[in-house]
């Protein structure tokens, strides 16, 4: 067996730092810290190079040239300063500290010292009982211990030899209601930038693993989910508690394509069918044809339940070359409908007054996030407006086929009389498009609720995903930048 180091204390410290608020105005630094720490926890710190950081964590293009662009060094200098400031103030009493030495990008976890300057004394081990002469009673006890030890070893070996076939009642982690499996992860767990914990590869039969841990992936902030894959003739049989779930299968084509390992191929180079519990749910999946090369692609299914044997059976049937899979995500569902997707343009999740959970800024490309005050008129949920993403914005939200309501939450906090940017009506104009079709042209936030600093809620009904699966929402600037505070997608399918 391969021994896996326990990083629970270090992970807890990273989460404490991220939750402290020191990155509220610098979400890019939070993403940077999460990236290098996740690499450390995943045992892939050797991949933490300036180029990889720029492309994977900072969103630079694959043509990034570190000789011409010092963004990584600049951001790490800022990150070190922010960590130093935290541990000199609010985090001064923390027993463990996250440090990134100058000239390095790999984090170190340093225990604090006692007030006298000496390292904290280790906790003493309990004293061993005195050694006694092994009389008959002790011989019997020793023999029983040997028998128990042999039985334990036999059970462990039996479990290991059975691979993942002898599974527990549910695959979820203790205390969790979701199952996330990172295909190709040998051991331990991977915690993504949104604090989701992904388990190592399990419950599979057949296939082989390919790893391209330095490969750039577009369309996601979690490239690691797509840098290892299982391919060939394989299946997954995942034990689940009875109930209704949502299933997300993650793919990225990193073999075919001019810039990929094959060096050739395009649409039609690979195709396969997907079956859930023996039923074909995708007759022909061409990841390259739907998303392009080295691009994250997610297929979403609702109303998923385990089969009669208590397991969810995923089968992939080859059509052209061999099937593959990068990650599996199973979350609680609602019969007949996809659970609402709620997103705020903020670095951390929040729960509104009605008890609804809102995810931190994700699914977005373009623009940047800034912090705003929650003092907004005309709403019972001012905390939804405490952050803003502005710029040229695109949200790509993967959903199953159906009809959806898309609701945008916006408030003009910059332009208008008495506001920092001045101006008023007509100062900010942008188009709102869905899957390339204009919903509104020259949208003016200022005129809708009649003024600045007032909440505006705009809902569009009957929105359907495109033929590749996602709802692609675009906010295109016409005059000044587009902006968005929060976004909600609800299932209206009948």
Protein backbone atom coordinates (compact mmCIF):
# COMPACT_ATOMS: atom_id res chain seq x y z
CA UNK A 1 0.00 0.00 0.00
CA UNK A 2 1.15 3.56 -0.74
CA UNK A 3 1.15 5.72 2.36
CA UNK A 4 -0.75 8.98 1.86
CA UNK A 5 0.34 11.96 3.94
CA UNK A 6 -2.39 13.58 5.99
CA UNK A 7 -2.66 17.28 5.06
CA UNK A 8 -5.80 17.97 7.08
CA UNK A 9 -4.15 20.60 9.32
CA UNK A 10 -2.54 22.36 6.37
CA UNK A 11 -5.80 22.33 4.39
CA UNK A 12 -7.65 23.75 7.37
CA UNK A 13 -5.13 26.58 7.63
CA UNK A 14 -5.47 27.43 3.94
CA UNK A 15 -9.25 27.54 4.29
CA UNK A 16 -8.86 29.80 7.34
CA UNK A 17 -6.68 32.21 5.37
CA UNK A 18 -9.08 32.22 2.40
CA UNK A 19 -12.03 32.86 4.71
CA UNK A 20 -10.29 35.65 6.62
CA UNK A 21 -11.29 38.37 4.16
CA UNK A 22 -7.74 39.45 3.25
CA UNK A 23 -8.42 38.60 -0.39
CA UNK A 24 -11.86 40.21 -0.67
CA UNK A 25 -10.51 42.88 -3.01
CA UNK A 26 -7.97 40.59 -4.65
CA UNK A 27 -9.75 37.35 -5.67
CA UNK A 28 -6.89 36.64 -8.07
CA UNK A 29 -4.53 36.24 -5.12
CA UNK A 30 -6.97 33.82 -3.48
CA UNK A 31 -7.05 31.77 -6.68
CA UNK A 32 -3.24 31.83 -6.80
CA UNK A 33 -2.91 30.59 -3.22
CA UNK A 34 -5.50 27.86 -3.82
CA UNK A 35 -3.69 26.72 -6.96
CA UNK A 36 -0.21 26.29 -5.43
CA UNK A 37 -1.58 24.75 -2.22
CA UNK A 38 -3.72 22.25 -4.12
CA UNK A 39 -0.65 21.24 -6.11
CA UNK A 40 1.21 20.75 -2.83
CA UNK A 41 -1.59 18.64 -1.33
CA UNK A 42 -1.92 16.64 -4.54
CA UNK A 43 1.79 15.80 -4.53
CA UNK A 44 2.37 17.57 -7.85
CA UNK A 45 4.43 20.53 -6.63
CA UNK A 46 7.01 19.73 -9.32
CA UNK A 47 4.50 21.17 -11.82
CA UNK A 48 4.46 24.56 -10.07
CA UNK A 49 6.45 26.47 -12.66
CA UNK A 50 6.11 30.07 -13.72
CA UNK A 51 4.58 29.16 -17.08
CA UNK A 52 2.04 26.74 -15.56
CA UNK A 53 1.02 29.28 -12.93
CA UNK A 54 0.48 31.96 -15.56
CA UNK A 55 -1.62 29.74 -17.81
CA UNK A 56 -3.48 27.56 -15.28
CA UNK A 57 -3.98 29.96 -12.37
CA UNK A 58 -3.84 33.43 -13.91
CA UNK A 59 -5.58 32.69 -17.20
CA UNK A 60 -2.75 33.75 -19.51
CA UNK A 61 -2.78 32.28 -23.02
CA UNK A 62 -0.62 29.26 -23.92
CA UNK A 63 1.70 31.69 -25.75
CA UNK A 64 2.70 33.25 -22.41
CA UNK A 65 6.38 34.33 -22.35
CA UNK A 66 7.77 34.76 -18.84
CA UNK A 67 10.70 36.77 -20.18
CA UNK A 68 8.33 39.46 -21.42
CA UNK A 69 5.58 39.23 -18.81
CA UNK A 70 6.39 39.42 -15.08
CA UNK A 71 2.80 38.89 -13.94
CA UNK A 72 3.61 35.75 -11.92
CA UNK A 73 6.48 37.37 -9.99
CA UNK A 74 4.43 40.50 -9.36
CA UNK A 75 1.41 38.55 -8.10
CA UNK A 76 3.51 36.34 -5.84
CA UNK A 77 5.16 39.43 -4.35
CA UNK A 78 1.68 40.75 -3.55
CA UNK A 79 0.63 37.35 -2.17
CA UNK A 80 3.63 37.19 0.17
CA UNK A 81 2.90 40.71 1.41
CA UNK A 82 -0.75 39.85 2.04
CA UNK A 83 0.15 36.68 3.96
CA UNK A 84 2.74 38.57 6.02
CA UNK A 85 0.20 41.24 6.87
CA UNK A 86 -2.36 38.61 7.93
CA UNK A 87 0.02 36.74 10.21
CA UNK A 88 1.15 39.99 11.82
CA UNK A 89 -2.43 41.01 12.62
CA UNK A 90 -5.53 38.80 12.66
CA UNK A 91 -3.59 35.56 12.21
CA UNK A 92 -0.87 36.28 14.75
CA UNK A 93 -2.07 33.55 17.12
CA UNK A 94 -2.43 30.86 14.46
CA UNK A 95 -0.45 27.71 15.37
CA UNK A 96 0.36 27.03 11.71
CA UNK A 97 1.32 29.52 9.01
CA UNK A 98 1.36 29.41 5.22
CA UNK A 99 4.56 30.84 3.81
CA UNK A 100 5.93 31.14 0.28
CA UNK A 101 9.66 31.91 0.46
CA UNK A 102 11.02 34.62 -1.88
CA UNK A 103 12.11 33.21 -5.19
CA UNK A 104 9.89 30.14 -4.76
CA UNK A 105 6.32 29.27 -5.65
CA UNK A 106 5.79 26.17 -3.51
CA UNK A 107 4.09 26.84 -0.15
CA UNK A 108 5.59 25.88 3.18
CA UNK A 109 3.63 25.24 6.36
CA UNK A 110 5.51 26.47 9.41
CA UNK A 111 4.53 25.89 13.02
CA UNK A 112 4.71 28.95 15.23
CA UNK A 113 7.08 29.13 18.20
CA UNK A 114 6.30 29.61 21.86
CA UNK A 115 6.52 33.09 23.39
CA UNK A 116 9.97 32.24 24.72
CA UNK A 117 11.14 31.62 21.18
CA UNK A 118 11.46 27.85 21.45
CA UNK A 119 9.50 25.51 19.19
CA UNK A 120 6.35 24.09 20.70
CA UNK A 121 7.14 21.00 22.74
CA UNK A 122 5.86 17.78 21.24
CA UNK A 123 3.01 16.06 23.04
CA UNK A 124 4.59 13.24 25.12
CA UNK A 125 3.62 9.70 24.24
CA UNK A 126 1.97 7.65 26.97
CA UNK A 127 4.37 5.48 28.95
CA UNK A 128 4.55 1.84 27.93
CA UNK A 129 3.50 -0.72 30.54
CA UNK A 130 6.34 -2.54 32.32
CA UNK A 131 7.69 -5.65 30.61
CA UNK A 132 6.60 -8.83 32.36
CA UNK A 133 7.72 -12.40 32.07
CA UNK A 134 5.51 -14.18 29.51
CA UNK A 135 3.78 -16.80 31.61
CA UNK A 136 1.09 -19.05 30.20
CA UNK A 137 -1.56 -16.33 30.37
CA UNK A 138 0.65 -13.90 28.51
CA UNK A 139 1.51 -16.56 25.95
CA UNK A 140 -2.20 -17.09 25.36
CA UNK A 141 -2.77 -13.35 24.99
CA UNK A 142 0.18 -13.09 22.61
CA UNK A 143 -1.16 -15.97 20.54
CA UNK A 144 -4.59 -14.35 20.38
CA UNK A 145 -3.03 -11.06 19.31
CA UNK A 146 -1.14 -12.83 16.53
CA UNK A 147 -4.36 -14.47 15.34
CA UNK A 148 -6.18 -11.10 15.37
CA UNK A 149 -3.30 -9.41 13.54
CA UNK A 150 -3.26 -12.13 10.90
CA UNK A 151 -7.02 -11.78 10.46
CA UNK A 152 -6.70 -8.01 10.09
CA UNK A 153 -3.95 -8.38 7.49
CA UNK A 154 -6.07 -10.94 5.61
CA UNK A 155 -9.04 -8.56 5.59
CA UNK A 156 -6.90 -5.66 4.33
CA UNK A 157 -5.35 -7.78 1.60
CA UNK A 158 -8.76 -9.12 0.63
CA UNK A 159 -10.09 -5.58 0.37
CA UNK A 160 -7.09 -4.44 -1.67
CA UNK A 161 -7.21 -7.45 -3.97
CA UNK A 162 -10.88 -6.83 -4.57
CA UNK A 163 -9.97 -3.40 -5.92
CA UNK A 164 -12.99 -1.19 -5.64
CA UNK A 165 -15.58 -3.91 -6.18
CA UNK A 166 -16.42 -4.41 -2.49
CA UNK A 167 -17.73 -0.88 -1.99
CA UNK A 168 -19.48 0.63 1.03
CA UNK A 169 -23.17 1.50 0.96
CA UNK A 170 -22.38 4.98 -0.36
CA UNK A 171 -19.38 6.49 -2.08
CA UNK A 172 -19.79 9.88 -0.41
CA UNK A 173 -17.16 11.09 2.03
CA UNK A 174 -18.18 10.99 5.70
CA UNK A 175 -20.48 13.90 6.45
CA UNK A 176 -20.96 14.71 2.74
CA UNK A 177 -24.01 14.26 0.54
CA UNK A 178 -22.12 14.43 -2.77
CA UNK A 179 -19.67 12.18 -4.59
CA UNK A 180 -16.80 13.65 -6.59
CA UNK A 181 -14.23 11.39 -8.23
CA UNK A 182 -11.13 12.73 -9.98
CA UNK A 183 -10.32 10.10 -12.59
CA UNK A 184 -6.64 9.14 -12.55
CA UNK A 185 -5.93 10.51 -9.07
CA UNK A 186 -3.96 7.67 -7.48
CA UNK A 187 -4.46 8.42 -3.80
CA UNK A 188 -5.60 11.06 -1.34
CA UNK A 189 -7.97 13.85 -2.30
CA UNK A 190 -7.93 17.01 -4.39
CA UNK A 191 -9.60 20.19 -3.10
CA UNK A 192 -10.54 22.61 -5.85
CA UNK A 193 -10.68 26.39 -5.65
CA UNK A 194 -14.31 26.28 -4.50
CA UNK A 195 -13.51 23.95 -1.55
CA UNK A 196 -15.04 20.89 -3.24
CA UNK A 197 -13.20 17.69 -2.24
CA UNK A 198 -12.53 15.18 -5.03
CA UNK A 199 -11.74 11.59 -4.09
CA UNK A 200 -9.11 9.45 -5.78
CA UNK A 201 -10.11 7.20 -8.68
CA UNK A 202 -12.33 4.31 -7.55
CA UNK A 203 -15.26 1.99 -8.41
CA UNK A 204 -13.92 1.42 -11.93
CA UNK A 205 -13.34 -1.70 -13.96
CA UNK A 206 -11.03 -1.79 -16.99
CA UNK A 207 -9.37 0.95 -18.99
CA UNK A 208 -6.04 2.70 -18.44
CA UNK A 209 -5.04 6.10 -17.09
CA UNK A 210 -3.31 8.85 -19.07
CA UNK A 211 -1.90 11.88 -17.23
CA UNK A 212 -0.95 15.22 -18.79
CA UNK A 213 -0.58 17.27 -15.63
CA UNK A 214 0.96 20.31 -17.35
CA UNK A 215 -1.60 20.46 -20.14
CA UNK A 216 -3.46 23.80 -20.45
CA UNK A 217 -7.26 23.55 -20.37
CA UNK A 218 -9.55 26.37 -21.48
CA UNK A 219 -13.03 27.16 -20.23
CA UNK A 220 -12.39 26.31 -16.58
CA UNK A 221 -10.59 27.57 -13.48
CA UNK A 222 -9.98 23.99 -12.40
CA UNK A 223 -7.65 22.62 -15.06
CA UNK A 224 -6.57 19.75 -12.79
CA UNK A 225 -9.97 18.11 -13.22
CA UNK A 226 -9.18 17.55 -16.89
CA UNK A 227 -5.48 16.67 -16.86
CA UNK A 228 -5.86 12.95 -16.21
CA UNK A 229 -8.29 10.57 -17.87
CA UNK A 230 -9.36 6.94 -18.02
CA UNK A 231 -9.75 5.58 -21.51
CA UNK A 232 -10.42 2.31 -23.30
CA UNK A 233 -12.96 -0.35 -22.37
CA UNK A 234 -14.04 0.71 -18.88
CA UNK A 235 -17.04 1.28 -16.65
CA UNK A 236 -17.85 2.72 -13.22
CA UNK A 237 -20.15 1.10 -10.65
CA UNK A 238 -20.63 3.67 -7.90
CA UNK A 239 -22.54 2.76 -4.71
CA UNK A 240 -25.16 5.34 -3.79
CA UNK A 241 -27.79 5.72 -1.12
CA UNK A 242 -31.33 5.62 -2.45
CA UNK A 243 -32.52 8.94 -3.79
CA UNK A 244 -32.51 11.31 -6.76
CA UNK A 245 -29.26 12.87 -7.93
CA UNK A 246 -27.77 15.18 -10.53
CA UNK A 247 -24.84 13.75 -12.47
CA UNK A 248 -22.08 15.76 -14.15
CA UNK A 249 -19.52 14.03 -16.33
CA UNK A 250 -16.40 16.07 -17.12
CA UNK A 251 -14.46 15.75 -20.38
CA UNK A 252 -11.62 17.55 -22.20
CA UNK A 253 -10.09 16.25 -25.44
CA UNK A 254 -6.32 16.42 -24.88
CA UNK A 255 -5.23 13.80 -27.42
CA UNK A 256 -6.64 14.77 -30.81
CA UNK A 257 -5.99 18.23 -32.23
CA UNK A 258 -3.02 19.98 -33.78
CA UNK A 259 -1.71 21.28 -30.44
CA UNK A 260 -2.41 18.06 -28.53
CA UNK A 261 -0.39 14.89 -28.10
CA UNK A 262 -1.61 13.27 -31.33
CA UNK A 263 -0.72 16.35 -33.36
CA UNK A 264 -3.60 15.75 -35.75
CA UNK A 265 -7.33 15.18 -35.86
CA UNK A 266 -10.36 17.31 -35.16
CA UNK A 267 -14.11 16.91 -35.15
CA UNK A 268 -15.09 13.27 -35.60
CA UNK A 269 -11.72 11.90 -34.44
CA UNK A 270 -13.35 10.33 -31.39
CA UNK A 271 -16.95 9.43 -30.60
CA UNK A 272 -18.65 7.20 -28.07
CA UNK A 273 -22.01 6.55 -26.43
CA UNK A 274 -22.80 7.06 -22.75
CA UNK A 275 -25.08 4.76 -20.78
CA UNK A 276 -26.52 5.19 -17.28
CA UNK A 277 -27.77 1.97 -15.66
CA UNK A 278 -27.83 0.31 -19.06
CA UNK A 279 -29.85 3.07 -20.78
CA UNK A 280 -28.21 5.12 -23.51
CA UNK A 281 -28.37 8.79 -22.55
CA UNK A 282 -25.98 10.11 -25.24
CA UNK A 283 -25.96 8.24 -28.51
CA UNK A 284 -22.85 9.90 -29.90
CA UNK A 285 -20.59 12.17 -27.87
CA UNK A 286 -17.87 13.97 -29.82
CA UNK A 287 -16.13 16.12 -27.22
CA UNK A 288 -13.87 17.72 -29.82
CA UNK A 289 -16.84 18.53 -32.04
CA UNK A 290 -18.83 20.07 -29.21
CA UNK A 291 -16.19 21.96 -27.25
CA UNK A 292 -12.95 21.95 -29.28
CA UNK A 293 -9.50 20.77 -28.28
CA UNK A 294 -8.26 21.03 -24.67
CA UNK A 295 -11.51 22.67 -23.53
CA UNK A 296 -13.54 21.70 -20.48
CA UNK A 297 -16.88 20.13 -21.38
CA UNK A 298 -19.54 19.01 -18.91
CA UNK A 299 -22.58 16.85 -19.61
CA UNK A 300 -25.37 17.20 -17.03
CA UNK A 301 -28.13 14.72 -16.19
CA UNK A 302 -31.03 15.08 -13.74
CA UNK A 303 -33.33 12.46 -12.19
CA UNK A 304 -30.45 10.01 -11.77
CA UNK A 305 -30.90 7.19 -9.23
CA UNK A 306 -28.97 4.04 -8.37
CA UNK A 307 -30.03 0.75 -9.95
CA UNK A 308 -31.74 -2.05 -8.02
CA UNK A 309 -28.36 -3.25 -6.71
CA UNK A 310 -27.70 0.14 -5.06
CA UNK A 311 -25.09 1.26 -7.57
CA UNK A 312 -24.94 3.84 -10.34
CA UNK A 313 -23.60 2.10 -13.45
CA UNK A 314 -21.78 4.27 -16.00
CA UNK A 315 -20.80 2.61 -19.27
CA UNK A 316 -18.99 4.13 -22.25
CA UNK A 317 -19.42 2.44 -25.63
CA UNK A 318 -16.81 3.06 -28.37
CA UNK A 319 -17.90 4.28 -31.79
CA UNK A 320 -14.72 5.92 -33.16
CA UNK A 321 -11.49 5.04 -31.28
CA UNK A 322 -11.85 4.68 -27.50
CA UNK A 323 -14.03 6.49 -24.93
CA UNK A 324 -12.53 8.55 -22.10
CA UNK A 325 -13.58 10.35 -18.92
CA UNK A 326 -11.92 12.96 -16.68
CA UNK A 327 -14.14 13.38 -13.61
CA UNK A 328 -17.47 12.36 -12.08
CA UNK A 329 -19.66 14.58 -9.92
CA UNK A 330 -22.84 13.35 -8.22
CA UNK A 331 -24.89 15.80 -6.14
CA UNK A 332 -28.35 15.65 -4.52
CA UNK A 333 -31.19 16.34 -6.94
CA UNK A 334 -34.89 17.22 -7.08
CA UNK A 335 -37.31 14.90 -8.91
CA UNK A 336 -38.21 16.26 -12.34
CA UNK A 337 -36.11 19.41 -12.19
CA UNK A 338 -32.54 20.59 -12.08
CA UNK A 339 -31.82 22.29 -8.79
CA UNK A 340 -31.47 26.08 -9.14
CA UNK A 341 -27.99 27.34 -9.99
CA UNK A 342 -27.18 30.51 -8.08
CA UNK A 343 -23.95 32.48 -8.46
CA UNK A 344 -22.69 35.67 -6.85
CA UNK A 345 -19.80 37.77 -8.12
CA UNK A 346 -17.99 37.33 -4.83
CA UNK A 347 -14.99 35.26 -3.69
CA UNK A 348 -16.98 33.25 -1.14
CA UNK A 349 -20.34 31.49 -1.05
CA UNK A 350 -23.25 32.97 0.87
CA UNK A 351 -26.69 32.00 2.14
CA UNK A 352 -29.51 34.45 1.57
CA UNK A 353 -32.35 35.31 3.96
CA UNK A 354 -34.52 32.55 2.47
CA UNK A 355 -31.83 29.93 3.14
CA UNK A 356 -30.75 29.59 -0.50
CA UNK A 357 -27.08 28.86 -1.18
CA UNK A 358 -25.22 31.01 -3.70
CA UNK A 359 -21.93 29.79 -5.16
CA UNK A 360 -18.91 32.09 -5.42
CA UNK A 361 -18.00 33.55 -8.81
CA UNK A 362 -17.65 30.73 -11.34
CA UNK A 363 -18.73 29.74 -14.86
CA UNK A 364 -17.44 33.16 -15.98
CA UNK A 365 -14.81 34.18 -18.49
CA UNK A 366 -13.76 37.76 -18.98
CA UNK A 367 -14.13 40.71 -16.67
CA UNK A 368 -12.91 41.15 -13.13
CA UNK A 369 -14.52 41.10 -9.70
CA UNK A 370 -14.62 44.03 -7.31
CA UNK A 371 -16.12 44.44 -3.85
CA UNK A 372 -19.15 46.68 -3.40
CA UNK A 373 -21.05 47.77 -0.30
CA UNK A 374 -24.31 45.88 0.33
CA UNK A 375 -26.18 49.16 0.81
CA UNK A 376 -28.62 48.86 -2.09
CA UNK A 377 -32.16 50.19 -2.17
CA UNK A 378 -35.15 48.24 -3.43
CA UNK A 379 -34.21 44.72 -2.31
CA UNK A 380 -34.59 42.37 0.65
CA UNK A 381 -31.33 40.63 -0.31
CA UNK A 382 -28.68 43.39 -0.30
CA UNK A 383 -25.85 40.89 0.26
CA UNK A 384 -26.32 39.64 -3.33
CA UNK A 385 -25.00 43.01 -4.50
CA UNK A 386 -21.89 43.08 -2.28
CA UNK A 387 -19.70 42.03 -5.21
CA UNK A 388 -19.62 42.87 -8.90
CA UNK A 389 -18.05 41.47 -12.05
CA UNK A 390 -17.56 44.06 -14.79
CA UNK A 391 -16.07 43.95 -18.26
CA UNK A 392 -16.84 41.87 -21.35
CA UNK A 393 -18.62 38.96 -19.66
CA UNK A 394 -19.53 35.43 -20.69
CA UNK A 395 -21.13 32.81 -18.45
CA UNK A 396 -21.21 29.21 -19.66
CA UNK A 397 -23.61 27.15 -17.55
CA UNK A 398 -24.00 23.45 -18.33
CA UNK A 399 -27.56 22.12 -17.98
CA UNK A 400 -29.59 19.20 -19.36
CA UNK A 401 -32.12 19.82 -22.15
CA UNK A 402 -35.15 21.80 -21.06
CA UNK A 403 -36.51 25.30 -20.56
CA UNK A 404 -35.02 27.66 -17.99
CA UNK A 405 -35.49 31.07 -16.44
CA UNK A 406 -32.32 33.16 -16.28
CA UNK A 407 -32.41 35.98 -13.74
CA UNK A 408 -29.80 38.75 -13.59
CA UNK A 409 -29.20 40.86 -10.47
CA UNK A 410 -27.61 44.26 -11.12
CA UNK A 411 -27.13 47.65 -9.50
CA UNK A 412 -25.37 50.72 -10.89
CA UNK A 413 -22.73 51.60 -8.31
CA UNK A 414 -20.30 53.69 -10.38
CA UNK A 415 -22.13 55.91 -12.85
CA UNK A 416 -24.74 58.53 -12.02
CA UNK A 417 -25.11 61.87 -10.21
CA UNK A 418 -23.05 61.86 -7.05
CA UNK A 419 -21.41 58.54 -7.94
CA UNK A 420 -17.62 58.08 -8.44
CA UNK A 421 -17.88 57.89 -12.24
CA UNK A 422 -20.43 60.67 -12.70
CA UNK A 423 -22.81 60.62 -15.65
CA UNK A 424 -26.29 59.17 -15.65
CA UNK A 425 -28.75 57.72 -18.14
CA UNK A 426 -26.98 56.41 -21.23
CA UNK A 427 -23.56 56.33 -19.55
CA UNK A 428 -23.42 52.52 -19.51
CA UNK A 429 -24.93 50.46 -22.33
CA UNK A 430 -24.47 46.77 -23.11
CA UNK A 431 -26.15 43.95 -25.01
CA UNK A 432 -27.45 40.78 -23.33
CA UNK A 433 -27.21 37.70 -25.54
CA UNK A 434 -28.07 34.06 -24.90
CA UNK A 435 -26.52 31.40 -27.13
CA UNK A 436 -25.67 34.14 -29.61
CA UNK A 437 -29.21 35.55 -29.81
CA UNK A 438 -29.81 39.08 -28.52
CA UNK A 439 -32.27 39.29 -25.63
CA UNK A 440 -31.81 43.04 -25.09
CA UNK A 441 -29.83 45.65 -26.99
CA UNK A 442 -28.25 48.72 -25.35
CA UNK A 443 -29.38 47.70 -21.88
CA UNK A 444 -29.18 50.67 -19.47
CA UNK A 445 -29.18 49.72 -15.78
CA UNK A 446 -29.53 53.35 -14.68
CA UNK A 447 -32.89 53.90 -16.38
CA UNK A 448 -34.53 50.62 -15.36
CA UNK A 449 -34.84 51.22 -11.59
CA UNK A 450 -34.58 54.98 -12.12
CA UNK A 451 -31.22 55.78 -10.61
CA UNK A 452 -27.97 54.58 -9.11
CA UNK A 453 -27.51 52.28 -6.17
CA UNK A 454 -30.88 50.60 -6.71
CA UNK A 455 -31.42 46.88 -7.20
CA UNK A 456 -32.52 45.67 -10.62
CA UNK A 457 -33.77 42.12 -11.21
CA UNK A 458 -34.18 41.12 -14.86
CA UNK A 459 -35.62 37.68 -15.73
CA UNK A 460 -35.75 35.98 -19.13
CA UNK A 461 -38.03 32.94 -19.48
CA UNK A 462 -38.02 30.02 -21.89
CA UNK A 463 -34.24 29.91 -22.27
CA UNK A 464 -32.97 26.66 -23.78
CA UNK A 465 -29.39 25.39 -23.84
CA UNK A 466 -27.57 25.22 -27.15
CA UNK A 467 -27.03 21.96 -29.03
CA UNK A 468 -23.78 21.29 -27.15
CA UNK A 469 -25.47 21.49 -23.73
CA UNK A 470 -24.73 24.81 -22.01
CA UNK A 471 -26.57 28.09 -21.66
CA UNK A 472 -24.08 30.69 -22.88
CA UNK A 473 -24.93 34.12 -21.52
CA UNK A 474 -22.95 37.06 -22.93
CA UNK A 475 -22.93 40.66 -21.70
CA UNK A 476 -21.26 42.69 -24.44
CA UNK A 477 -20.25 46.32 -23.75
CA UNK A 478 -21.50 49.04 -26.08
CA UNK A 479 -20.59 52.02 -23.89
CA UNK A 480 -18.48 51.50 -20.78
CA UNK A 481 -18.39 47.97 -19.36
CA UNK A 482 -21.17 45.51 -18.70
CA UNK A 483 -21.69 44.42 -15.10
CA UNK A 484 -23.39 41.73 -13.07
CA UNK A 485 -23.83 41.16 -9.33
CA UNK A 486 -25.54 37.77 -9.25
CA UNK A 487 -27.09 35.19 -11.57
CA UNK A 488 -29.79 32.56 -11.07
CA UNK A 489 -30.84 29.75 -13.42
CA UNK A 490 -34.03 27.83 -12.57
CA UNK A 491 -35.58 24.86 -14.34
CA UNK A 492 -38.98 25.65 -15.93
CA UNK A 493 -39.29 22.36 -17.80
CA UNK A 494 -42.75 20.77 -17.72
